[in-house]
PDB file of N, CA and C in Angstrom:
ATOM      1  N   MET A   1       8.794  16.353   0.575  1.00  0.00           N
ATOM      2  CA  MET A   1       9.488  15.516   0.873  1.00  0.00           C
ATOM      3  C   MET A   1       9.737  14.017  -0.330  1.00  0.00           C
ATOM      4  N   ILE A   2      10.865  13.762  -0.106  1.00  0.00           N
ATOM      5  CA  ILE A   2      11.404  12.800  -1.378  1.00  0.00           C
ATOM      6  C   ILE A   2      11.308  11.676  -0.469  1.00  0.00           C
ATOM      7  N   TYR A   3      10.820  10.705  -0.850  1.00  0.00           N
ATOM      8  CA  TYR A   3      11.248   9.422  -0.111  1.00  0.00           C
ATOM      9  C   TYR A   3      12.174   8.499  -0.600  1.00  0.00           C
ATOM     10  N   PRO A   4      13.312   7.764  -0.204  1.00  0.00           N
ATOM     11  CA  PRO A   4      14.045   6.650  -0.448  1.00  0.00           C
ATOM     12  C   PRO A   4      13.816   5.918  -1.494  1.00  0.00           C
ATOM     13  N   ASN A   5      12.886   5.141  -0.699  1.00  0.00           N
ATOM     14  CA  ASN A   5      12.423   3.797  -1.628  1.00  0.00           C
ATOM     15  C   ASN A   5      11.101   4.249  -2.494  1.00  0.00           C
ATOM     16  N   GLU A   6      11.389   5.200  -3.534  1.00  0.00           N
ATOM     17  CA  GLU A   6      10.263   5.606  -4.181  1.00  0.00           C
ATOM     18  C   GLU A   6      10.413   5.142  -5.866  1.00  0.00           C
ATOM     19  N   HIS A   7       9.195   5.430  -6.504  1.00  0.00           N
ATOM     20  CA  HIS A   7       9.409   4.908  -7.634  1.00  0.00           C
ATOM     21  C   HIS A   7       9.148   6.348  -8.782  1.00  0.00           C
ATOM     22  N   ARG A   8       9.481   5.959 -10.050  1.00  0.00           N
ATOM     23  CA  ARG A   8       9.472   6.990 -10.824  1.00  0.00           C
ATOM     24  C   ARG A   8       8.348   7.031 -11.628  1.00  0.00           C
ATOM     25  N   PRO A   9       7.804   8.285 -11.912  1.00  0.00           N
ATOM     26  CA  PRO A   9       8.645   9.279 -12.465  1.00  0.00           C
ATOM     27  C   PRO A   9       8.715  10.289 -11.256  1.00  0.00           C
ATOM     28  N   ALA A  10       9.829  11.057 -11.288  1.00  0.00           N
ATOM     29  CA  ALA A  10      10.430  11.877  -9.872  1.00  0.00           C
ATOM     30  C   ALA A  10       9.206  12.744  -9.279  1.00  0.00           C
ATOM     31  N   HIS A  11       8.959  12.739  -8.270  1.00  0.00           N
ATOM     32  CA  HIS A  11       8.294  13.387  -7.606  1.00  0.00           C
ATOM     33  C   HIS A  11       8.421  13.659  -6.287  1.00  0.00           C
ATOM     34  N   ALA A  12       7.401  14.633  -5.699  1.00  0.00           N
ATOM     35  CA  ALA A  12       7.525  14.899  -4.277  1.00  0.00           C
ATOM     36  C   ALA A  12       6.060  14.804  -3.387  1.00  0.00           C
ATOM     37  N   HIS A  13       6.239  14.517  -1.895  1.00  0.00           N
ATOM     38  CA  HIS A  13       4.873  14.539  -1.667  1.00  0.00           C
ATOM     39  C   HIS A  13       4.818  15.783  -0.477  1.00  0.00           C
ATOM     40  N   VAL A  14       3.774  16.497  -0.366  1.00  0.00           N
ATOM     41  CA  VAL A  14       3.772  17.483   0.586  1.00  0.00           C
ATOM     42  C   VAL A  14       2.702  17.122   1.629  1.00  0.00           C
ATOM     43  N   ILE A  15       3.101  17.486   2.619  1.00  0.00           N
ATOM     44  CA  ILE A  15       2.677  17.128   3.471  1.00  0.00           C
ATOM     45  C   ILE A  15       2.215  18.179   5.011  1.00  0.00           C
ATOM     46  N   GLY A  16       0.910  18.508   5.195  1.00  0.00           N
ATOM     47  CA  GLY A  16       0.816  19.780   6.105  1.00  0.00           C
ATOM     48  C   GLY A  16      -0.905  19.718   6.516  1.00  0.00           C
ATOM     49  N   ASP A  17      -1.710  20.379   6.122  1.00  0.00           N
ATOM     50  CA  ASP A  17      -3.070  20.617   6.572  1.00  0.00           C
ATOM     51  C   ASP A  17      -3.350  19.422   5.596  1.00  0.00           C
ATOM     52  N   GLY A  18      -3.320  19.163   4.699  1.00  0.00           N
ATOM     53  CA  GLY A  18      -3.146  18.045   3.781  1.00  0.00           C
ATOM     54  C   GLY A  18      -2.166  17.379   3.132  1.00  0.00           C
ATOM     55  N   GLU A  19      -2.304  16.336   2.336  1.00  0.00           N
ATOM     56  CA  GLU A  19      -1.249  15.983   1.463  1.00  0.00           C
ATOM     57  C   GLU A  19      -1.840  16.058   0.021  1.00  0.00           C
ATOM     58  N   ALA A  20      -0.260  16.280  -0.614  1.00  0.00           N
ATOM     59  CA  ALA A  20      -0.384  16.476  -2.498  1.00  0.00           C
ATOM     60  C   ALA A  20       0.751  15.518  -2.809  1.00  0.00           C
ATOM     61  N   VAL A  21       0.649  15.012  -4.164  1.00  0.00           N
ATOM     62  CA  VAL A  21       1.944  14.642  -4.468  1.00  0.00           C
ATOM     63  C   VAL A  21       1.901  15.445  -6.127  1.00  0.00           C
ATOM     64  N   PHE A  22       3.169  15.937  -6.332  1.00  0.00           N
ATOM     65  CA  PHE A  22       3.167  16.846  -7.466  1.00  0.00           C
ATOM     66  C   PHE A  22       4.437  15.831  -7.889  1.00  0.00           C
ATOM     67  N   ILE A  23       4.538  15.449  -9.651  1.00  0.00           N
ATOM     68  CA  ILE A  23       5.192  15.051 -10.577  1.00  0.00           C
ATOM     69  C   ILE A  23       6.136  16.255 -10.714  1.00  0.00           C
ATOM     70  N   LEU A  24       7.511  16.018 -10.662  1.00  0.00           N
ATOM     71  CA  LEU A  24       8.518  17.003 -10.809  1.00  0.00           C
ATOM     72  C   LEU A  24       8.570  17.748 -12.075  1.00  0.00           C
ATOM     73  N   ASN A  25       8.894  16.611 -13.279  1.00  0.00           N
ATOM     74  CA  ASN A  25       8.848  17.272 -14.611  1.00  0.00           C
ATOM     75  C   ASN A  25      10.609  17.171 -14.511  1.00  0.00           C
ATOM     76  N   CYS A  26      11.339  16.526 -14.259  1.00  0.00           N
ATOM     77  CA  CYS A  26      12.720  17.122 -14.130  1.00  0.00           C
ATOM     78  C   CYS A  26      13.237  17.060 -15.238  1.00  0.00           C
ATOM     79  N   PRO A  27      14.274  17.427 -15.531  1.00  0.00           N
ATOM     80  CA  PRO A  27      14.800  18.926 -14.667  1.00  0.00           C
ATOM     81  C   PRO A  27      14.320  20.048 -14.825  1.00  0.00           C
ATOM     82  N   ASP A  28      13.660  20.542 -15.378  1.00  0.00           N
ATOM     83  CA  ASP A  28      13.173  21.970 -15.673  1.00  0.00           C
ATOM     84  C   ASP A  28      11.696  22.366 -14.970  1.00  0.00           C
ATOM     85  N   GLY A  29      10.871  21.140 -14.927  1.00  0.00           N
ATOM     86  CA  GLY A  29       9.357  21.730 -14.503  1.00  0.00           C
ATOM     87  C   GLY A  29       8.474  21.560 -15.480  1.00  0.00           C
ATOM     88  N   PRO A  30       7.594  22.412 -15.459  1.00  0.00           N
ATOM     89  CA  PRO A  30       6.972  22.781 -13.969  1.00  0.00           C
ATOM     90  C   PRO A  30       6.407  21.200 -13.206  1.00  0.00           C
ATOM     91  N   PRO A  31       6.422  21.595 -12.111  1.00  0.00           N
ATOM     92  CA  PRO A  31       5.322  20.442 -11.453  1.00  0.00           C
ATOM     93  C   PRO A  31       3.925  20.499 -11.713  1.00  0.00           C
ATOM     94  N   GLU A  32       3.548  19.136 -11.768  1.00  0.00           N
ATOM     95  CA  GLU A  32       2.213  18.916 -12.203  1.00  0.00           C
ATOM     96  C   GLU A  32       1.685  18.281 -10.859  1.00  0.00           C
ATOM     97  N   LEU A  33       0.733  18.802 -10.228  1.00  0.00           N
ATOM     98  CA  LEU A  33      -0.202  17.805  -9.482  1.00  0.00           C
ATOM     99  C   LEU A  33      -0.587  16.464  -9.768  1.00  0.00           C
ATOM    100  N   ARG A  34      -0.275  15.735  -9.231  1.00  0.00           N
ATOM    101  CA  ARG A  34      -1.104  14.001  -9.569  1.00  0.00           C
ATOM    102  C   ARG A  34      -1.862  13.858  -8.762  1.00  0.00           C
ATOM    103  N   GLU A  35      -2.015  14.077  -7.068  1.00  0.00           N
ATOM    104  CA  GLU A  35      -2.921  14.165  -6.447  1.00  0.00           C
ATOM    105  C   GLU A  35      -3.022  14.642  -5.370  1.00  0.00           C
ATOM    106  N   SER A  36      -4.748  14.806  -4.442  1.00  0.00           N
ATOM    107  CA  SER A  36      -4.141  15.894  -3.278  1.00  0.00           C
ATOM    108  C   SER A  36      -5.382  15.601  -2.536  1.00  0.00           C
ATOM    109  N   TYR A  37      -5.405  15.532  -0.974  1.00  0.00           N
ATOM    110  CA  TYR A  37      -6.311  15.031  -0.357  1.00  0.00           C
ATOM    111  C   TYR A  37      -5.929  16.529   1.013  1.00  0.00           C
ATOM    112  N   ARG A  38      -7.482  17.247   1.051  1.00  0.00           N
ATOM    113  CA  ARG A  38      -7.644  18.636   2.212  1.00  0.00           C
ATOM    114  C   ARG A  38      -7.065  19.360   1.733  1.00  0.00           C
ATOM    115  N   PHE A  39      -6.362  19.506   0.547  1.00  0.00           N
ATOM    116  CA  PHE A  39      -5.454  20.879   0.304  1.00  0.00           C
ATOM    117  C   PHE A  39      -6.508  21.664  -0.236  1.00  0.00           C
ATOM    118  N   ASP A  40      -6.941  23.209  -0.268  1.00  0.00           N
ATOM    119  CA  ASP A  40      -7.802  23.811  -1.239  1.00  0.00           C
ATOM    120  C   ASP A  40      -7.411  24.454  -2.382  1.00  0.00           C
ATOM    121  N   ARG A  41      -7.765  25.112  -3.455  1.00  0.00           N
ATOM    122  CA  ARG A  41      -7.264  25.394  -4.598  1.00  0.00           C
ATOM    123  C   ARG A  41      -5.718  26.469  -4.293  1.00  0.00           C
ATOM    124  N   SER A  42      -6.352  27.331  -3.622  1.00  0.00           N
ATOM    125  CA  SER A  42      -5.481  28.178  -3.016  1.00  0.00           C
ATOM    126  C   SER A  42      -3.971  27.814  -2.379  1.00  0.00           C
ATOM    127  N   ASP A  43      -4.046  26.675  -1.488  1.00  0.00           N
ATOM    128  CA  ASP A  43      -2.915  25.963  -0.902  1.00  0.00           C
ATOM    129  C   ASP A  43      -2.184  25.303  -2.071  1.00  0.00           C
ATOM    130  N   LEU A  44      -3.025  24.748  -2.816  1.00  0.00           N
ATOM    131  CA  LEU A  44      -2.043  23.731  -4.056  1.00  0.00           C
ATOM    132  C   LEU A  44      -1.396  24.978  -4.999  1.00  0.00           C
ATOM    133  N   ALA A  45      -1.682  25.906  -5.365  1.00  0.00           N
ATOM    134  CA  ALA A  45      -1.296  26.970  -6.148  1.00  0.00           C
ATOM    135  C   ALA A  45      -0.212  27.423  -5.306  1.00  0.00           C
ATOM    136  N   ARG A  46      -0.006  27.805  -4.335  1.00  0.00           N
ATOM    137  CA  ARG A  46       1.120  28.105  -3.190  1.00  0.00           C
ATOM    138  C   ARG A  46       1.921  27.064  -3.533  1.00  0.00           C
ATOM    139  N   ILE A  47       1.451  25.966  -3.114  1.00  0.00           N
ATOM    140  CA  ILE A  47       2.603  24.797  -3.078  1.00  0.00           C
ATOM    141  C   ILE A  47       3.259  24.618  -4.452  1.00  0.00           C
ATOM    142  N   GLU A  48       2.808  24.685  -5.570  1.00  0.00           N
ATOM    143  CA  GLU A  48       3.009  24.581  -6.567  1.00  0.00           C
ATOM    144  C   GLU A  48       3.859  25.517  -7.237  1.00  0.00           C
ATOM    145  N   THR A  49       3.540  26.559  -6.522  1.00  0.00           N
ATOM    146  CA  THR A  49       4.770  27.987  -6.850  1.00  0.00           C
ATOM    147  C   THR A  49       6.003  27.402  -6.157  1.00  0.00           C
ATOM    148  N   GLY A  50       5.816  27.348  -4.825  1.00  0.00           N
ATOM    149  CA  GLY A  50       7.031  26.881  -4.079  1.00  0.00           C
ATOM    150  C   GLY A  50       7.894  26.089  -4.529  1.00  0.00           C
ATOM    151  N   LEU A  51       7.293  24.868  -5.251  1.00  0.00           N
ATOM    152  CA  LEU A  51       8.025  23.304  -5.747  1.00  0.00           C
ATOM    153  C   LEU A  51       8.586  24.339  -7.194  1.00  0.00           C
ATOM    154  N   ALA A  52       7.984  24.617  -7.966  1.00  0.00           N
ATOM    155  CA  ALA A  52       8.376  25.568  -9.319  1.00  0.00           C
ATOM    156  C   ALA A  52       9.879  26.245  -8.825  1.00  0.00           C
ATOM    157  N   ASP A  53       9.932  26.879  -7.543  1.00  0.00           N
ATOM    158  CA  ASP A  53      10.449  27.868  -7.519  1.00  0.00           C
ATOM    159  C   ASP A  53      12.062  27.073  -7.188  1.00  0.00           C
ATOM    160  N   HIS A  54      11.744  25.805  -6.687  1.00  0.00           N
ATOM    161  CA  HIS A  54      12.979  25.131  -6.024  1.00  0.00           C
ATOM    162  C   HIS A  54      13.404  23.718  -7.150  1.00  0.00           C
ATOM    163  N   ILE A  55      12.848  23.983  -8.064  1.00  0.00           N
ATOM    164  CA  ILE A  55      12.544  22.703  -8.965  1.00  0.00           C
ATOM    165  C   ILE A  55      14.195  21.896  -8.958  1.00  0.00           C
ATOM    166  N   ALA A  56      15.225  22.838  -9.383  1.00  0.00           N
ATOM    167  CA  ALA A  56      16.571  22.326  -9.571  1.00  0.00           C
ATOM    168  C   ALA A  56      17.036  21.357  -8.657  1.00  0.00           C
ATOM    169  N   GLU A  57      16.837  22.248  -7.217  1.00  0.00           N
ATOM    170  CA  GLU A  57      17.384  21.742  -6.190  1.00  0.00           C
ATOM    171  C   GLU A  57      16.560  20.099  -5.454  1.00  0.00           C
ATOM    172  N   LEU A  58      15.069  19.752  -6.157  1.00  0.00           N
ATOM    173  CA  LEU A  58      14.304  18.967  -6.040  1.00  0.00           C
ATOM    174  C   LEU A  58      14.625  17.557  -6.802  1.00  0.00           C
ATOM    175  N   CYS A  59      14.680  18.242  -7.868  1.00  0.00           N
ATOM    176  CA  CYS A  59      15.848  16.904  -9.188  1.00  0.00           C
ATOM    177  C   CYS A  59      16.588  16.763  -8.614  1.00  0.00           C
ATOM    178  N   THR A  60      17.404  17.491  -8.213  1.00  0.00           N
ATOM    179  CA  THR A  60      19.310  16.872  -7.352  1.00  0.00           C
ATOM    180  C   THR A  60      18.735  16.421  -6.509  1.00  0.00           C
ATOM    181  N   GLU A  61      18.014  16.481  -5.476  1.00  0.00           N
ATOM    182  CA  GLU A  61      17.530  15.432  -4.465  1.00  0.00           C
ATOM    183  C   GLU A  61      17.059  14.051  -5.251  1.00  0.00           C
ATOM    184  N   TRP A  62      16.066  14.271  -5.803  1.00  0.00           N
ATOM    185  CA  TRP A  62      15.313  12.667  -6.222  1.00  0.00           C
ATOM    186  C   TRP A  62      16.979  11.889  -7.483  1.00  0.00           C
ATOM    187  N   ARG A  63      17.641  12.907  -7.543  1.00  0.00           N
ATOM    188  CA  ARG A  63      18.738  11.831  -8.807  1.00  0.00           C
ATOM    189  C   ARG A  63      19.517  11.228  -7.508  1.00  0.00           C
ATOM    190  N   LYS A  64      19.760  11.659  -6.496  1.00  0.00           N
ATOM    191  CA  LYS A  64      20.867  11.508  -5.347  1.00  0.00           C
ATOM    192  C   LYS A  64      20.012   9.996  -4.962  1.00  0.00           C
ATOM    193  N   PHE A  65      18.981  10.177  -4.485  1.00  0.00           N
ATOM    194  CA  PHE A  65      18.240   8.783  -4.061  1.00  0.00           C
ATOM    195  C   PHE A  65      18.102   7.661  -5.123  1.00  0.00           C
ATOM    196  N   HIS A  66      17.623   7.694  -6.410  1.00  0.00           N
ATOM    197  CA  HIS A  66      16.933   7.234  -7.158  1.00  0.00           C
ATOM    198  C   HIS A  66      17.781   7.102  -8.629  1.00  0.00           C
ATOM    199  N   GLY A  67      18.544   8.097  -8.964  1.00  0.00           N
ATOM    200  CA  GLY A  67      19.134   8.063 -10.139  1.00  0.00           C
ATOM    201  C   GLY A  67      18.313   8.937 -11.248  1.00  0.00           C
ATOM    202  N   TYR A  68      18.182   8.399 -12.710  1.00  0.00           N
ATOM    203  CA  TYR A  68      17.326   9.235 -13.668  1.00  0.00           C
ATOM    204  C   TYR A  68      15.845   9.370 -13.184  1.00  0.00           C
ATOM    205  N   TYR A  69      15.562  10.358 -13.506  1.00  0.00           N
ATOM    206  CA  TYR A  69      13.982  10.368 -13.382  1.00  0.00           C
ATOM    207  C   TYR A  69      12.966   9.761 -14.155  1.00  0.00           C
TER     208      TYR A  69
END
């Protein structure tokens, strides 16, 4: 999730059984874990891979809301 009233650097919140915040390192990644609550290591690895697979789209969405990264 990318919130419209956010601060830089470009990042995404992942919410599920826990919550994690990943710095996107736009425009090319790789995403980098900033903080996590209640996700285990395997969940975080899976999330990071998913974010990396969609980094271009995530960075495009960030830029729509916030301008440059």
